[in-house]
Amino acid sequence: MNSTFSGHFGYRRLLRVTLPSIVMMIFTSIYCVTDGFFVSNFAGKAAFTAVNFIMPYLMILGCVGFLFGTGGSALIGKTMGEGDRKHADRLFSMVICVTALSGLALGVLGIVLLRPVAELLGAEGELLENCVRYGSLILIANPAYVLQFAFQCLFATAGKPKLGLAVTVAAGVTNMVLDALFVGVFRWGIAGAAVATSLSQCVGGLLPLLYFLGKWNRSELHLTRFRFDGRALGRICGNGSSELMSSISSSVVSMLYNFQLLKYIGEDGVSAYGVLMYVQFVFVAIYIGYAIGCAPVVSFHYGAGNKDELKNLLKISVRLMAVLGVVLTALALLLGAPLATVFVGYDEGLFTLTCHAFRLFSFAFLFPGFNIFASSFFTALNNGGVSAAISFLRTLVFQSASVMLLPLLFDVDGIWYAITTAEIFATTISVIFLFAKR
């Protein structure tokens, strides 16, 4: 069968297939970065702190899209590799329907729980009110946000990664323009940033839906009538559980970071971590984008029984992740001061704190690419158990333990070292699983 994913893959072909997904994820991460830039420079430090403080909670409510996107991509890709295109379309249609309904339910629940959760995390006074104002407006668009995450994975499986990139770029540009207008020109503050992000998420989530519903759809997947298949949905959730766990755990760890920084430094610590988090969003998006773009290729060859090609894909990917780790670490060290100037240059004390944190935090980019790919590789092989174990240990166990325990030994610097320490332990676990399942 002639397919986008059949045949042998070398470095050039694999990069060509994954590049649209990489750029797509980078533009997605720009949402938070753009909000942060305009809020910090036009609405002030207090509003900037609130955006950073409540963002992990909002991401938890949106990341279910990754559950259905990655888990669905693995099963759909395997089904395509087996040659059953009609069943692949039915699975795809069920995934989109369940994703939209889940986004709606989580959006409503998120608005109800927003204030109690912010209070539980330690927000009070102006910080609390800013969190509620920003979060409520964002969560109105949660169904579109969840769909956007799912489509980012499924565009690659549909053989249309460039179209997925175009939609994401359109959403990112929408966010930038509206942020400049609402926050920079109209001076609507934190509410303007929230409205800009919500509208851009509608672009990213609803445009793909219109494409797959229309007669102009020329992809490998089509929305069609389907019967609810509980067993298939269970496999999809099992396959995607690692990506869901990784996203939720990362957000939980961010909450722990904010809690520890409020305890050791105060609100300036939360603001400094916000700048680091923006850089992490963009850099880690490169790793996630590669994993998303590579996953349907792995699933296809797994379904087709091409074991030699699976070994080839693994070897190439490990080498690419190693090179990327070195490059991104060097960039983080070089760009620390300039980026701190862009976001918090107006406050000398906060600028100094952010530069110091950058120097210690930069080494956290050496290892995550390998761990993210290893987890995604097992998801693509429909082995959700191993994938979930890697993600669970990497994000929730190792990072949570590091951010809580290292400050007892190294004071505030222990917080900035935490992710690097956790990634080293996670790399060990990933290597063990790859050898055990070779």
Protein backbone atom coordinates (compact mmCIF):
# COMPACT_ATOMS: atom_id res chain seq x y z
CA MET A 1 0.00 0.00 0.00
CA ASN A 2 1.36 3.39 -0.98
CA SER A 3 1.35 5.65 2.09
CA THR A 4 3.04 8.72 3.49
CA PHE A 5 4.59 6.46 6.13
CA SER A 6 5.64 3.39 4.11
CA GLY A 7 9.19 2.68 2.93
CA HIS A 8 12.59 3.34 4.48
CA PHE A 9 13.32 6.49 6.50
CA GLY A 10 16.69 8.21 6.64
CA TYR A 11 17.54 11.38 8.55
CA ARG A 12 16.37 13.71 5.78
CA ARG A 13 13.03 12.01 5.17
CA LEU A 14 12.27 11.65 8.87
CA LEU A 15 13.06 15.32 9.53
CA ARG A 16 10.94 16.32 6.56
CA VAL A 17 7.98 14.37 7.99
CA THR A 18 8.43 15.64 11.57
CA LEU A 19 9.35 19.29 10.88
CA PRO A 20 5.75 20.53 10.42
CA SER A 21 4.79 19.00 13.78
CA ILE A 22 7.83 20.59 15.45
CA VAL A 23 6.99 24.05 14.13
CA MET A 24 3.34 23.46 14.99
CA MET A 25 4.16 22.76 18.64
CA ILE A 26 6.49 25.77 18.83
CA PHE A 27 3.68 28.06 17.67
CA THR A 28 1.32 26.46 20.18
CA SER A 29 3.76 27.24 23.00
CA ILE A 30 3.89 30.85 21.85
CA TYR A 31 0.38 31.37 23.25
CA CYS A 32 1.67 31.51 26.81
CA VAL A 33 4.84 33.37 25.84
CA THR A 34 2.89 36.09 24.02
CA ASP A 35 0.46 36.53 26.91
CA GLY A 36 3.37 36.73 29.33
CA PHE A 37 5.24 39.35 27.31
CA PHE A 38 2.31 41.73 26.89
CA VAL A 39 0.92 41.23 30.39
CA SER A 40 4.33 41.78 32.01
CA ASN A 41 5.23 44.88 29.99
CA PHE A 42 1.79 46.53 29.76
CA ALA A 43 -0.23 45.25 32.75
CA GLY A 44 2.55 44.99 35.35
CA LYS A 45 4.33 42.49 37.56
CA ALA A 46 1.26 41.57 39.65
CA ALA A 47 -0.74 40.52 36.58
CA PHE A 48 2.29 38.67 35.17
CA THR A 49 2.59 36.68 38.38
CA ALA A 50 -1.10 35.73 38.22
CA VAL A 51 -0.81 34.40 34.65
CA ASN A 52 2.15 32.23 35.62
CA PHE A 53 0.49 31.11 38.84
CA ILE A 54 -2.80 29.86 37.34
CA MET A 55 -1.43 28.58 34.00
CA PRO A 56 -0.61 25.02 35.25
CA TYR A 57 -4.23 24.56 36.36
CA LEU A 58 -5.54 25.66 32.96
CA MET A 59 -3.14 23.34 31.14
CA ILE A 60 -4.35 20.35 33.16
CA LEU A 61 -7.89 20.98 31.91
CA GLY A 62 -6.75 21.18 28.29
CA CYS A 63 -4.25 18.35 28.10
CA VAL A 64 -6.93 15.65 27.78
CA GLY A 65 -6.64 16.50 24.10
CA PHE A 66 -3.20 14.90 24.14
CA LEU A 67 -4.72 11.74 25.67
CA PHE A 68 -7.09 11.26 22.74
CA GLY A 69 -4.72 12.70 20.14
CA THR A 70 -1.69 10.54 20.89
CA GLY A 71 -3.65 7.45 21.94
CA GLY A 72 -5.94 7.75 18.94
CA SER A 73 -3.01 8.37 16.60
CA ALA A 74 -1.31 5.15 17.75
CA LEU A 75 -4.38 2.95 17.20
CA ILE A 76 -5.45 4.70 13.98
CA GLY A 77 -1.92 4.50 12.56
CA LYS A 78 -1.69 0.80 13.39
CA THR A 79 -5.09 0.20 11.75
CA MET A 80 -3.95 2.06 8.63
CA GLY A 81 -0.79 -0.06 8.53
CA GLU A 82 -2.99 -3.17 8.61
CA GLY A 83 -4.86 -1.84 5.56
CA ASP A 84 -8.30 -1.21 7.11
CA ARG A 85 -8.96 2.44 6.13
CA LYS A 86 -12.73 2.42 6.83
CA HIS A 87 -12.20 1.29 10.40
CA ALA A 88 -9.49 3.94 10.79
CA ASP A 89 -12.04 6.61 9.75
CA ARG A 90 -14.56 5.34 12.30
CA LEU A 91 -11.95 5.40 15.05
CA PHE A 92 -10.92 8.92 14.03
CA SER A 93 -14.54 10.14 14.15
CA MET A 94 -15.12 8.66 17.58
CA VAL A 95 -11.94 10.28 18.92
CA ILE A 96 -13.00 13.74 17.73
CA CYS A 97 -16.50 13.42 19.19
CA VAL A 98 -15.29 12.22 22.59
CA THR A 99 -12.58 14.88 22.67
CA ALA A 100 -15.05 17.73 22.10
CA LEU A 101 -17.46 16.49 24.77
CA SER A 102 -14.63 16.02 27.27
CA GLY A 103 -13.38 19.55 26.64
CA LEU A 104 -16.84 20.98 27.30
CA ALA A 105 -17.28 19.06 30.56
CA LEU A 106 -13.82 19.97 31.84
CA GLY A 107 -14.32 23.64 30.93
CA VAL A 108 -17.48 23.86 33.04
CA LEU A 109 -15.87 21.98 35.94
CA GLY A 110 -12.75 24.14 35.71
CA ILE A 111 -14.71 27.39 36.06
CA VAL A 112 -16.58 26.04 39.11
CA LEU A 113 -13.37 24.96 40.86
CA LEU A 114 -11.16 27.86 39.76
CA ARG A 115 -11.36 30.04 42.87
CA PRO A 116 -11.12 27.19 45.43
CA VAL A 117 -8.08 25.72 43.63
CA ALA A 118 -6.33 29.11 43.43
CA GLU A 119 -6.94 29.65 47.15
CA LEU A 120 -5.67 26.15 47.94
CA LEU A 121 -2.44 26.90 46.07
CA GLY A 122 -1.87 30.00 48.20
CA ALA A 123 -3.32 32.84 46.10
CA GLU A 124 -4.99 35.67 47.98
CA GLY A 125 -5.93 39.31 47.49
CA GLU A 126 -5.05 40.84 44.13
CA LEU A 127 -3.26 37.67 42.99
CA LEU A 128 -6.40 35.59 43.60
CA GLU A 129 -8.73 37.98 41.76
CA ASN A 130 -6.38 38.19 38.76
CA CYS A 131 -6.18 34.38 38.62
CA VAL A 132 -9.98 34.03 38.63
CA ARG A 133 -10.44 36.77 36.01
CA TYR A 134 -7.85 35.31 33.62
CA GLY A 135 -8.79 31.66 34.14
CA SER A 136 -12.57 32.10 33.73
CA LEU A 137 -12.18 33.77 30.34
CA ILE A 138 -9.70 31.15 29.14
CA LEU A 139 -11.88 28.19 30.15
CA ILE A 140 -14.84 29.38 28.06
CA ALA A 141 -12.86 28.18 25.02
CA ASN A 142 -11.71 24.91 26.62
CA PRO A 143 -13.55 22.63 24.12
CA ALA A 144 -11.67 24.29 21.24
CA TYR A 145 -8.41 24.15 23.23
CA VAL A 146 -8.78 20.40 23.78
CA LEU A 147 -9.65 19.82 20.11
CA GLN A 148 -6.58 21.81 19.07
CA PHE A 149 -4.30 19.52 21.08
CA ALA A 150 -5.93 16.42 19.58
CA PHE A 151 -5.74 17.70 16.00
CA GLN A 152 -2.05 18.55 16.42
CA CYS A 153 -1.41 14.82 16.76
CA LEU A 154 -4.02 13.62 14.27
CA PHE A 155 -3.01 15.91 11.40
CA ALA A 156 0.27 13.96 11.22
CA THR A 157 -1.60 10.65 11.19
CA ALA A 158 -3.88 11.97 8.44
CA GLY A 159 -0.81 12.65 6.30
CA LYS A 160 -1.36 16.43 6.46
CA PRO A 161 1.26 17.76 8.88
CA LYS A 162 1.76 20.91 6.79
CA LEU A 163 -1.93 21.74 6.98
CA GLY A 164 -1.78 21.23 10.74
CA LEU A 165 1.17 23.61 10.82
CA ALA A 166 -0.76 26.22 8.80
CA VAL A 167 -3.71 26.08 11.22
CA THR A 168 -1.43 26.40 14.24
CA VAL A 169 0.44 29.32 12.70
CA ALA A 170 -2.90 31.02 12.01
CA ALA A 171 -3.91 30.51 15.64
CA GLY A 172 -0.55 31.77 16.90
CA VAL A 173 -0.63 34.89 14.74
CA THR A 174 -4.21 35.55 15.88
CA ASN A 175 -3.04 35.42 19.50
CA MET A 176 -0.11 37.77 18.88
CA VAL A 177 -2.16 40.36 16.99
CA LEU A 178 -5.02 40.34 19.49
CA ASP A 179 -2.63 40.51 22.45
CA ALA A 180 -0.99 43.58 20.92
CA LEU A 181 -4.41 45.12 20.29
CA PHE A 182 -6.26 44.21 23.50
CA VAL A 183 -3.36 44.55 25.98
CA GLY A 184 -0.92 46.91 24.26
CA VAL A 185 -3.37 49.35 22.59
CA PHE A 186 -6.72 49.06 24.40
CA ARG A 187 -5.02 48.40 27.77
CA TRP A 188 -7.54 45.77 28.83
CA GLY A 189 -4.88 44.15 30.99
CA ILE A 190 -5.06 40.54 32.03
CA ALA A 191 -8.64 40.18 30.74
CA GLY A 192 -7.54 41.29 27.27
CA ALA A 193 -4.80 38.66 27.22
CA ALA A 194 -7.31 35.96 28.20
CA VAL A 195 -9.79 36.97 25.48
CA ALA A 196 -7.00 37.01 22.87
CA THR A 197 -5.90 33.51 23.85
CA SER A 198 -9.46 32.14 23.88
CA LEU A 199 -10.18 33.45 20.37
CA SER A 200 -6.92 32.04 19.04
CA GLN A 201 -7.75 28.65 20.54
CA CYS A 202 -11.05 28.72 18.64
CA VAL A 203 -9.05 29.22 15.45
CA GLY A 204 -6.79 26.27 16.31
CA GLY A 205 -9.59 23.93 17.34
CA LEU A 206 -12.49 24.74 15.05
CA LEU A 207 -10.76 25.29 11.68
CA PRO A 208 -9.50 21.66 11.58
CA LEU A 209 -13.00 20.46 12.42
CA LEU A 210 -14.38 22.37 9.44
CA TYR A 211 -11.65 20.90 7.21
CA PHE A 212 -12.37 17.29 8.10
CA LEU A 213 -16.13 17.85 7.77
CA GLY A 214 -15.89 19.46 4.32
CA LYS A 215 -15.81 18.01 0.82
CA TRP A 216 -12.36 19.56 0.35
CA ASN A 217 -10.81 17.01 2.73
CA ARG A 218 -8.00 15.26 0.82
CA SER A 219 -6.32 13.66 3.81
CA GLU A 220 -5.93 9.98 4.72
CA LEU A 221 -8.67 10.31 7.38
CA HIS A 222 -12.33 11.36 7.12
CA LEU A 223 -15.09 12.09 9.61
CA THR A 224 -17.89 9.59 9.16
CA ARG A 225 -20.69 7.90 11.07
CA PHE A 226 -19.49 5.57 13.79
CA ARG A 227 -20.68 3.29 16.53
CA PHE A 228 -19.31 3.92 19.98
CA ASP A 229 -16.62 1.31 20.64
CA GLY A 230 -15.83 1.14 24.34
CA ARG A 231 -13.06 -1.40 23.89
CA ALA A 232 -11.29 0.72 21.27
CA LEU A 233 -11.72 3.84 23.42
CA GLY A 234 -10.16 1.95 26.32
CA ARG A 235 -7.14 1.07 24.15
CA ILE A 236 -6.88 4.68 23.01
CA CYS A 237 -6.95 5.93 26.59
CA GLY A 238 -4.40 3.30 27.58
CA ASN A 239 -2.09 4.28 24.73
CA GLY A 240 -2.42 8.01 25.44
CA SER A 241 -2.29 7.75 29.22
CA SER A 242 1.45 8.43 29.27
CA GLU A 243 1.09 11.75 27.43
CA LEU A 244 -1.84 12.70 29.67
CA MET A 245 0.16 11.75 32.73
CA SER A 246 3.15 13.72 31.48
CA SER A 247 1.06 16.84 30.86
CA ILE A 248 -0.80 16.64 34.17
CA SER A 249 2.36 15.86 36.09
CA SER A 250 4.22 18.78 34.49
CA SER A 251 1.43 21.09 35.57
CA VAL A 252 1.38 19.64 39.09
CA VAL A 253 5.15 20.11 39.30
CA SER A 254 4.73 23.73 38.14
CA MET A 255 2.26 24.23 40.97
CA LEU A 256 4.82 22.80 43.41
CA TYR A 257 7.44 25.15 41.97
CA ASN A 258 5.14 28.12 42.56
CA PHE A 259 4.36 26.92 46.08
CA GLN A 260 8.05 26.52 46.94
CA LEU A 261 9.03 29.82 45.34
CA LEU A 262 6.32 31.71 47.25
CA LYS A 263 7.70 30.10 50.41
CA TYR A 264 11.41 30.79 49.77
CA ILE A 265 11.37 34.03 47.73
CA GLY A 266 7.85 35.43 47.34
CA GLU A 267 6.01 36.59 44.22
CA ASP A 268 9.26 37.58 42.48
CA GLY A 269 10.22 33.90 42.48
CA VAL A 270 6.97 33.00 40.69
CA SER A 271 7.63 35.70 38.08
CA ALA A 272 11.22 34.51 37.51
CA TYR A 273 10.03 30.93 37.12
CA GLY A 274 7.45 32.17 34.63
CA VAL A 275 10.22 33.39 32.32
CA LEU A 276 12.01 30.03 32.62
CA MET A 277 8.74 28.24 31.95
CA TYR A 278 8.23 30.18 28.70
CA VAL A 279 11.64 29.10 27.43
CA GLN A 280 10.89 25.55 28.54
CA PHE A 281 7.57 25.62 26.67
CA VAL A 282 9.31 26.50 23.40
CA PHE A 283 12.32 24.19 23.77
CA VAL A 284 10.36 21.18 25.00
CA ALA A 285 7.83 21.84 22.20
CA ILE A 286 10.61 20.91 19.76
CA TYR A 287 10.97 17.51 21.42
CA ILE A 288 7.20 16.98 21.64
CA GLY A 289 6.71 18.03 18.02
CA TYR A 290 9.32 15.53 16.86
CA ALA A 291 7.66 12.78 18.92
CA ILE A 292 4.21 13.64 17.48
CA GLY A 293 5.53 13.65 13.91
CA CYS A 294 7.46 10.41 14.32
CA ALA A 295 4.72 8.48 16.18
CA PRO A 296 2.45 7.67 13.19
CA VAL A 297 5.49 6.44 11.23
CA VAL A 298 6.36 4.07 14.09
CA SER A 299 2.73 2.93 14.46
CA PHE A 300 2.41 2.30 10.72
CA HIS A 301 5.52 0.11 10.57
CA TYR A 302 4.47 -1.66 13.76
CA GLY A 303 1.10 -2.49 12.17
CA ALA A 304 2.88 -3.60 8.98
CA GLY A 305 5.32 -5.78 10.96
CA ASN A 306 8.51 -4.01 9.74
CA LYS A 307 10.79 -4.64 12.72
CA ASP A 308 13.99 -3.59 10.94
CA GLU A 309 12.51 -0.19 10.13
CA LEU A 310 11.39 0.24 13.75
CA LYS A 311 14.98 -0.32 14.90
CA ASN A 312 16.18 2.17 12.31
CA LEU A 313 13.68 4.81 13.50
CA LEU A 314 14.78 4.30 17.09
CA LYS A 315 18.49 4.64 16.26
CA ILE A 316 18.03 7.83 14.22
CA SER A 317 15.77 9.42 16.81
CA VAL A 318 18.10 8.77 19.75
CA ARG A 319 20.97 10.43 17.87
CA LEU A 320 18.84 13.43 16.93
CA MET A 321 17.64 13.91 20.52
CA ALA A 322 21.22 13.86 21.80
CA VAL A 323 22.31 16.57 19.36
CA LEU A 324 19.24 18.69 20.10
CA GLY A 325 19.88 18.43 23.83
CA VAL A 326 23.35 19.92 23.51
CA VAL A 327 22.21 22.68 21.13
CA LEU A 328 19.24 23.77 23.25
CA THR A 329 21.29 23.80 26.46
CA ALA A 330 23.86 26.06 24.81
CA LEU A 331 21.09 28.35 23.53
CA ALA A 332 19.52 28.59 26.99
CA LEU A 333 22.86 29.62 28.50
CA LEU A 334 23.44 32.24 25.81
CA LEU A 335 19.92 33.68 25.76
CA GLY A 336 19.28 33.86 29.51
CA ALA A 337 20.08 37.55 30.01
CA PRO A 338 18.48 38.82 26.76
CA LEU A 339 15.23 36.96 27.50
CA ALA A 340 15.19 38.20 31.08
CA THR A 341 15.54 41.73 29.70
CA VAL A 342 12.57 41.24 27.35
CA PHE A 343 10.22 40.00 30.07
CA VAL A 344 11.33 41.62 33.34
CA GLY A 345 14.00 44.16 32.40
CA TYR A 346 11.95 46.92 34.04
CA ASP A 347 12.68 45.50 37.53
CA GLU A 348 16.39 45.24 38.44
CA GLY A 349 15.96 42.82 41.33
CA LEU A 350 13.71 40.49 39.36
CA PHE A 351 16.06 40.69 36.37
CA THR A 352 19.05 39.62 38.49
CA LEU A 353 17.11 36.76 40.04
CA THR A 354 15.93 35.53 36.62
CA CYS A 355 19.44 35.59 35.13
CA HIS A 356 20.78 33.57 38.06
CA ALA A 357 17.97 31.04 37.72
CA PHE A 358 18.67 30.72 33.98
CA ARG A 359 22.29 29.75 34.56
CA LEU A 360 21.27 26.88 36.83
CA PHE A 361 18.13 25.81 34.97
CA SER A 362 19.62 25.64 31.45
CA PHE A 363 21.07 22.14 31.89
CA ALA A 364 17.53 20.80 32.24
CA PHE A 365 17.32 20.74 28.42
CA LEU A 366 20.03 18.10 27.96
CA PHE A 367 17.94 14.99 28.60
CA PRO A 368 14.17 15.55 28.19
CA GLY A 369 14.23 14.96 24.41
CA PHE A 370 15.38 11.37 24.88
CA ASN A 371 12.82 10.72 27.63
CA ILE A 372 9.92 12.30 25.71
CA PHE A 373 10.76 10.29 22.61
CA ALA A 374 11.15 7.04 24.58
CA SER A 375 7.68 7.47 26.10
CA SER A 376 6.18 8.39 22.71
CA PHE A 377 7.93 5.44 21.04
CA PHE A 378 6.21 2.96 23.35
CA THR A 379 2.87 4.75 22.87
CA ALA A 380 3.28 4.37 19.10
CA LEU A 381 3.96 0.66 19.66
CA ASN A 382 0.60 0.50 21.49
CA ASN A 383 2.44 -0.27 24.74
CA GLY A 384 0.73 2.29 26.96
CA GLY A 385 1.92 0.64 30.18
CA VAL A 386 5.64 1.21 29.62
CA SER A 387 5.01 4.65 28.15
CA ALA A 388 2.95 5.65 31.18
CA ALA A 389 5.59 4.32 33.56
CA ILE A 390 8.30 6.46 31.95
CA SER A 391 6.11 9.57 32.01
CA PHE A 392 4.84 8.98 35.54
CA LEU A 393 8.32 8.46 36.99
CA ARG A 394 9.89 11.28 34.96
CA THR A 395 7.38 14.01 35.67
CA LEU A 396 5.43 13.26 38.83
CA VAL A 397 7.77 11.15 40.96
CA PHE A 398 11.27 12.42 40.15
CA GLN A 399 10.40 16.09 39.56
CA SER A 400 8.08 16.36 42.56
CA ALA A 401 10.64 14.74 44.85
CA SER A 402 13.43 16.94 43.50
CA VAL A 403 11.58 20.23 43.86
CA MET A 404 10.56 19.39 47.44
CA LEU A 405 13.80 17.84 48.70
CA LEU A 406 16.66 19.69 46.95
CA PRO A 407 15.85 23.07 48.56
CA LEU A 408 16.50 21.42 51.92
CA LEU A 409 20.09 20.82 50.78
CA PHE A 410 20.81 23.77 48.46
CA ASP A 411 18.22 26.37 49.55
CA VAL A 412 16.66 28.27 46.60
CA ASP A 413 19.25 26.97 44.12
CA GLY A 414 17.90 23.48 44.75
CA ILE A 415 14.62 24.54 43.10
CA TRP A 416 16.43 25.56 39.90
CA TYR A 417 18.43 22.28 39.87
CA ALA A 418 15.32 20.10 40.38
CA ILE A 419 14.31 19.37 36.78
CA THR A 420 17.87 18.54 35.68
CA THR A 421 18.17 16.04 38.53
CA ALA A 422 14.80 14.48 37.68
CA GLU A 423 15.68 14.14 33.96
CA ILE A 424 18.90 12.29 34.81
CA PHE A 425 16.96 9.71 36.82
CA ALA A 426 14.33 9.48 34.07
CA THR A 427 16.99 8.85 31.41
CA THR A 428 18.19 5.88 33.42
CA ILE A 429 14.66 4.47 33.53
CA SER A 430 14.12 5.04 29.79
CA VAL A 431 17.35 3.22 28.91
CA ILE A 432 16.37 0.28 31.14
CA PHE A 433 12.98 -0.05 29.42
CA LEU A 434 14.46 0.19 25.91
CA PHE A 435 16.93 -2.59 26.66
CA ALA A 436 14.35 -4.72 28.47
CA LYS A 437 11.93 -4.47 25.51
CA ARG A 438 14.52 -4.57 22.69
